[in-house]
Amino acid sequence: MIEGRTDPPKAPFVRALEAKARRLAEAHGENRLRARRNDAGRWRITALLWPLFAKGR
């Protein structure tokens, strides 16, 4: 038989996931805006290429 826990998620874990999702969404939006403007510099901005690994975040 398969068993599972129904405990509520831990608050720090949920906050960390929300922060990651926010960073990904912001980077995606900025990348789409720069692509629409045909800005080739977007490929040099590390926060847009690897939003979860950028320093200072």
Protein backbone atom coordinates (compact mmCIF):
# COMPACT_ATOMS: atom_id res chain seq x y z
CA MET A 1 0.00 0.00 0.00
CA ILE A 2 1.16 3.53 -0.74
CA GLU A 3 1.35 5.89 2.17
CA GLY A 4 1.82 9.63 2.21
CA ARG A 5 2.01 12.42 4.72
CA THR A 6 -0.47 15.23 4.73
CA ASP A 7 1.51 17.53 7.00
CA PRO A 8 1.46 21.17 5.90
CA PRO A 9 4.66 22.34 4.17
CA LYS A 10 7.25 24.15 6.21
CA ALA A 11 7.09 27.92 5.94
CA PRO A 12 10.81 28.50 5.10
CA PHE A 13 10.62 25.92 2.32
CA VAL A 14 7.57 27.58 0.81
CA ARG A 15 9.16 31.03 1.06
CA ALA A 16 12.29 29.75 -0.70
CA LEU A 17 10.19 28.30 -3.51
CA GLU A 18 8.27 31.54 -3.85
CA ALA A 19 11.52 33.52 -4.05
CA LYS A 20 12.88 31.21 -6.76
CA ALA A 21 9.64 31.44 -8.72
CA ARG A 22 9.71 35.23 -8.44
CA ARG A 23 13.31 35.40 -9.74
CA LEU A 24 12.50 33.10 -12.64
CA ALA A 25 9.40 35.11 -13.56
CA GLU A 26 11.27 38.43 -13.41
CA ALA A 27 14.12 37.08 -15.55
CA HIS A 28 11.69 35.60 -18.05
CA GLY A 29 9.78 38.86 -18.37
CA GLU A 30 12.95 40.92 -18.77
CA ASN A 31 14.29 38.48 -21.35
CA ARG A 32 11.05 38.65 -23.38
CA LEU A 33 11.10 42.45 -23.27
CA ARG A 34 14.72 42.59 -24.45
CA ALA A 35 14.04 39.98 -27.17
CA ARG A 36 11.14 42.08 -28.45
CA ARG A 37 13.48 45.09 -28.62
CA ASN A 38 16.06 42.91 -30.39
CA ASP A 39 18.64 43.68 -27.68
CA ALA A 40 21.61 41.38 -28.22
CA GLY A 41 23.03 42.42 -24.84
CA ARG A 42 20.58 40.14 -23.05
CA TRP A 43 22.96 37.25 -23.70
CA ARG A 44 25.62 38.97 -21.56
CA ILE A 45 23.48 39.52 -18.47
CA THR A 46 24.03 36.60 -16.12
CA ALA A 47 20.89 37.32 -14.10
CA LEU A 48 18.86 36.64 -17.23
CA LEU A 49 20.79 33.55 -18.30
CA TRP A 50 21.00 31.91 -14.89
CA PRO A 51 18.54 33.72 -12.62
CA LEU A 52 18.88 31.24 -9.75
CA PHE A 53 22.68 31.46 -9.67
CA ALA A 54 23.19 35.23 -9.98
CA LYS A 55 25.21 36.86 -7.21
CA GLY A 56 23.54 39.23 -4.82
CA ARG A 57 20.15 37.52 -4.89
